[in-house]
C-alpha atoms as a PDB file:
ATOM      1  CA  MET A   1     -64.567  72.221 -21.345  1.00  0.00           C
ATOM      2  CA  LYS A   2     -61.100  71.364 -22.855  1.00  0.00           C
ATOM      3  CA  GLN A   3     -60.221  69.217 -25.851  1.00  0.00           C
ATOM      4  CA  ILE A   4     -56.938  67.434 -25.074  1.00  0.00           C
ATOM      5  CA  THR A   5     -55.076  65.985 -27.971  1.00  0.00           C
ATOM      6  CA  ALA A   6     -52.139  64.089 -27.413  1.00  0.00           C
ATOM      7  CA  ILE A   7     -49.752  62.492 -30.060  1.00  0.00           C
ATOM      8  CA  ILE A   8     -47.953  59.526 -28.662  1.00  0.00           C
ATOM      9  CA  LYS A   9     -45.801  56.498 -29.530  1.00  0.00           C
ATOM     10  CA  PRO A  10     -48.212  53.574 -30.511  1.00  0.00           C
ATOM     11  CA  PHE A  11     -46.687  51.146 -27.830  1.00  0.00           C
ATOM     12  CA  LYS A  12     -47.631  53.602 -25.039  1.00  0.00           C
ATOM     13  CA  LEU A  13     -51.434  53.572 -25.941  1.00  0.00           C
ATOM     14  CA  ASP A  14     -52.467  50.893 -23.456  1.00  0.00           C
ATOM     15  CA  GLU A  15     -50.409  52.725 -20.539  1.00  0.00           C
ATOM     16  CA  VAL A  16     -51.999  56.069 -21.413  1.00  0.00           C
ATOM     17  CA  ARG A  17     -55.550  54.537 -21.758  1.00  0.00           C
ATOM     18  CA  GLU A  18     -55.262  53.005 -18.230  1.00  0.00           C
ATOM     19  CA  ALA A  19     -53.706  56.348 -16.725  1.00  0.00           C
ATOM     20  CA  LEU A  20     -56.715  58.253 -18.125  1.00  0.00           C
ATOM     21  CA  GLY A  21     -59.215  55.857 -16.799  1.00  0.00           C
ATOM     22  CA  SER A  22     -57.570  56.219 -13.323  1.00  0.00           C
ATOM     23  CA  VAL A  23     -58.186  59.967 -13.417  1.00  0.00           C
ATOM     24  CA  GLY A  24     -61.912  59.735 -14.405  1.00  0.00           C
ATOM     25  CA  VAL A  25     -61.839  59.785 -18.079  1.00  0.00           C
ATOM     26  CA  THR A  26     -64.798  57.763 -19.441  1.00  0.00           C
ATOM     27  CA  GLY A  27     -64.184  57.996 -23.274  1.00  0.00           C
ATOM     28  CA  LEU A  28     -61.625  58.796 -25.673  1.00  0.00           C
ATOM     29  CA  THR A  29     -61.006  58.664 -29.450  1.00  0.00           C
ATOM     30  CA  VAL A  30     -57.740  57.065 -30.907  1.00  0.00           C
ATOM     31  CA  THR A  31     -56.639  57.701 -34.383  1.00  0.00           C
ATOM     32  CA  GLU A  32     -53.658  56.012 -35.968  1.00  0.00           C
ATOM     33  CA  VAL A  33     -51.599  58.846 -37.563  1.00  0.00           C
ATOM     34  CA  LYS A  34     -48.270  59.330 -39.269  1.00  0.00           C
ATOM     35  CA  GLY A  35     -45.799  62.394 -38.642  1.00  0.00           C
ATOM     36  CA  PHE A  36     -42.570  63.806 -37.681  1.00  0.00           C
ATOM     37  CA  GLY A  37     -41.311  66.464 -35.499  1.00  0.00           C
ATOM     38  CA  ARG A  38     -37.668  67.137 -34.420  1.00  0.00           C
ATOM     39  CA  GLN A  39     -36.539  63.604 -34.970  1.00  0.00           C
ATOM     40  CA  LYS A  40     -37.330  63.877 -38.794  1.00  0.00           C
ATOM     41  CA  GLY A  41     -37.713  60.202 -39.448  1.00  0.00           C
ATOM     42  CA  HIS A  42     -35.080  57.571 -39.821  1.00  0.00           C
ATOM     43  CA  THR A  43     -33.477  54.897 -42.244  1.00  0.00           C
ATOM     44  CA  GLU A  44     -34.226  51.334 -42.367  1.00  0.00           C
ATOM     45  CA  LEU A  45     -32.824  48.381 -44.135  1.00  0.00           C
ATOM     46  CA  TYR A  46     -35.228  46.303 -46.157  1.00  0.00           C
ATOM     47  CA  ARG A  47     -33.957  43.410 -48.385  1.00  0.00           C
ATOM     48  CA  GLY A  48     -30.585  44.777 -48.536  1.00  0.00           C
ATOM     49  CA  ALA A  49     -31.763  48.299 -49.708  1.00  0.00           C
ATOM     50  CA  GLU A  50     -31.631  51.381 -47.187  1.00  0.00           C
ATOM     51  CA  TYR A  51     -34.602  53.763 -47.450  1.00  0.00           C
ATOM     52  CA  VAL A  52     -35.713  56.625 -45.463  1.00  0.00           C
ATOM     53  CA  VAL A  53     -38.941  56.643 -43.457  1.00  0.00           C
ATOM     54  CA  ASP A  54     -40.066  60.217 -43.370  1.00  0.00           C
ATOM     55  CA  PHE A  55     -43.328  59.763 -41.551  1.00  0.00           C
ATOM     56  CA  LEU A  56     -43.335  57.663 -38.323  1.00  0.00           C
ATOM     57  CA  PRO A  57     -46.323  55.863 -37.018  1.00  0.00           C
ATOM     58  CA  LYS A  58     -47.957  57.647 -33.883  1.00  0.00           C
ATOM     59  CA  ASN A  59     -51.249  57.404 -32.164  1.00  0.00           C
ATOM     60  CA  LYS A  60     -53.457  60.604 -31.752  1.00  0.00           C
ATOM     61  CA  ILE A  61     -55.751  60.513 -28.595  1.00  0.00           C
ATOM     62  CA  GLU A  62     -58.467  63.073 -28.180  1.00  0.00           C
ATOM     63  CA  VAL A  63     -60.526  63.635 -25.079  1.00  0.00           C
ATOM     64  CA  VAL A  64     -63.039  66.340 -24.011  1.00  0.00           C
ATOM     65  CA  VAL A  65     -63.041  67.040 -20.204  1.00  0.00           C
ATOM     66  CA  ALA A  66     -64.422  69.577 -17.719  1.00  0.00           C
ATOM     67  CA  ASP A  67     -61.996  72.547 -17.161  1.00  0.00           C
ATOM     68  CA  ASP A  68     -61.059  71.443 -13.619  1.00  0.00           C
ATOM     69  CA  GLN A  69     -60.279  67.962 -14.888  1.00  0.00           C
ATOM     70  CA  ALA A  70     -57.698  69.072 -17.701  1.00  0.00           C
ATOM     71  CA  GLU A  71     -54.626  69.328 -15.643  1.00  0.00           C
ATOM     72  CA  ALA A  72     -54.932  65.966 -14.124  1.00  0.00           C
ATOM     73  CA  VAL A  73     -55.605  64.494 -17.602  1.00  0.00           C
ATOM     74  CA  ILE A  74     -52.485  66.263 -19.056  1.00  0.00           C
ATOM     75  CA  GLU A  75     -50.371  64.987 -16.115  1.00  0.00           C
ATOM     76  CA  ALA A  76     -51.584  61.385 -16.490  1.00  0.00           C
ATOM     77  CA  ILE A  77     -50.742  61.439 -20.195  1.00  0.00           C
ATOM     78  CA  VAL A  78     -47.291  62.739 -19.633  1.00  0.00           C
ATOM     79  CA  ALA A  79     -46.580  60.212 -16.968  1.00  0.00           C
ATOM     80  CA  ALA A  80     -47.716  57.249 -19.045  1.00  0.00           C
ATOM     81  CA  ALA A  81     -46.388  58.315 -22.424  1.00  0.00           C
ATOM     82  CA  ARG A  82     -42.849  59.560 -21.466  1.00  0.00           C
ATOM     83  CA  THR A  83     -39.974  57.422 -22.442  1.00  0.00           C
ATOM     84  CA  GLY A  84     -37.411  60.163 -22.099  1.00  0.00           C
ATOM     85  CA  LYS A  85     -36.314  59.794 -25.786  1.00  0.00           C
ATOM     86  CA  ILE A  86     -36.950  61.921 -28.700  1.00  0.00           C
ATOM     87  CA  GLY A  87     -40.414  61.355 -30.305  1.00  0.00           C
ATOM     88  CA  ASP A  88     -42.420  60.877 -27.082  1.00  0.00           C
ATOM     89  CA  GLY A  89     -44.952  63.313 -28.633  1.00  0.00           C
ATOM     90  CA  LYS A  90     -46.973  66.399 -27.719  1.00  0.00           C
ATOM     91  CA  ILE A  91     -50.138  67.459 -26.014  1.00  0.00           C
ATOM     92  CA  PHE A  92     -52.342  70.235 -27.261  1.00  0.00           C
ATOM     93  CA  VAL A  93     -55.174  71.825 -25.297  1.00  0.00           C
ATOM     94  CA  ALA A  94     -58.058  73.768 -26.971  1.00  0.00           C
ATOM     95  CA  ASN A  95     -61.398  75.295 -25.636  1.00  0.00           C
ATOM     96  CA  VAL A  96     -64.659  73.733 -26.454  1.00  0.00           C
ATOM     97  CA  GLU A  97     -67.613  75.878 -26.499  1.00  0.00           C
ATOM     98  CA  HIS A  98     -70.364  73.428 -26.862  1.00  0.00           C
ATOM     99  CA  ALA A  99     -70.960  69.658 -26.931  1.00  0.00           C
ATOM    100  CA  ARG A 100     -74.117  67.558 -27.382  1.00  0.00           C
ATOM    101  CA  ARG A 101     -74.889  63.913 -27.079  1.00  0.00           C
ATOM    102  CA  ILE A 102     -76.746  62.873 -30.217  1.00  0.00           C
ATOM    103  CA  ARG A 103     -78.729  60.127 -28.610  1.00  0.00           C
ATOM    104  CA  THR A 104     -80.101  62.054 -25.484  1.00  0.00           C
ATOM    105  CA  GLY A 105     -79.742  65.543 -26.420  1.00  0.00           C
ATOM    106  CA  GLU A 106     -77.573  66.301 -23.203  1.00  0.00           C
ATOM    107  CA  GLU A 107     -75.416  69.299 -23.563  1.00  0.00           C
ATOM    108  CA  ASN A 108     -71.844  70.372 -22.624  1.00  0.00           C
ATOM    109  CA  GLU A 109     -70.313  68.620 -19.563  1.00  0.00           C
ATOM    110  CA  GLU A 110     -73.185  66.264 -19.211  1.00  0.00           C
ATOM    111  CA  ALA A 111     -72.714  65.256 -22.792  1.00  0.00           C
ATOM    112  CA  VAL A 112     -69.000  64.016 -22.397  1.00  0.00           C
END
């Protein structure tokens, strides 16, 4: 199994969720996070004063899928989250050794 973690722009969340559903993802976790990459943040004007926003709002999406589903999930995220502008985000893939559904005791791929 693979855990796929994607950091995306918040306004792309609904599009990514729909794209994941279309490739068979039945569950995901979303966390509101803040961070920066190459874009480094930006300046904003508030009540006549300019200030620097170092950490930009993002959404972190985490899904665990079977190995053979991983590439389709990655492609779906890329297609739905891409704007072509700096700050579109990143995707990370990690191996998952074991999973267990708490309610039923199902394990590994049956648990996700």
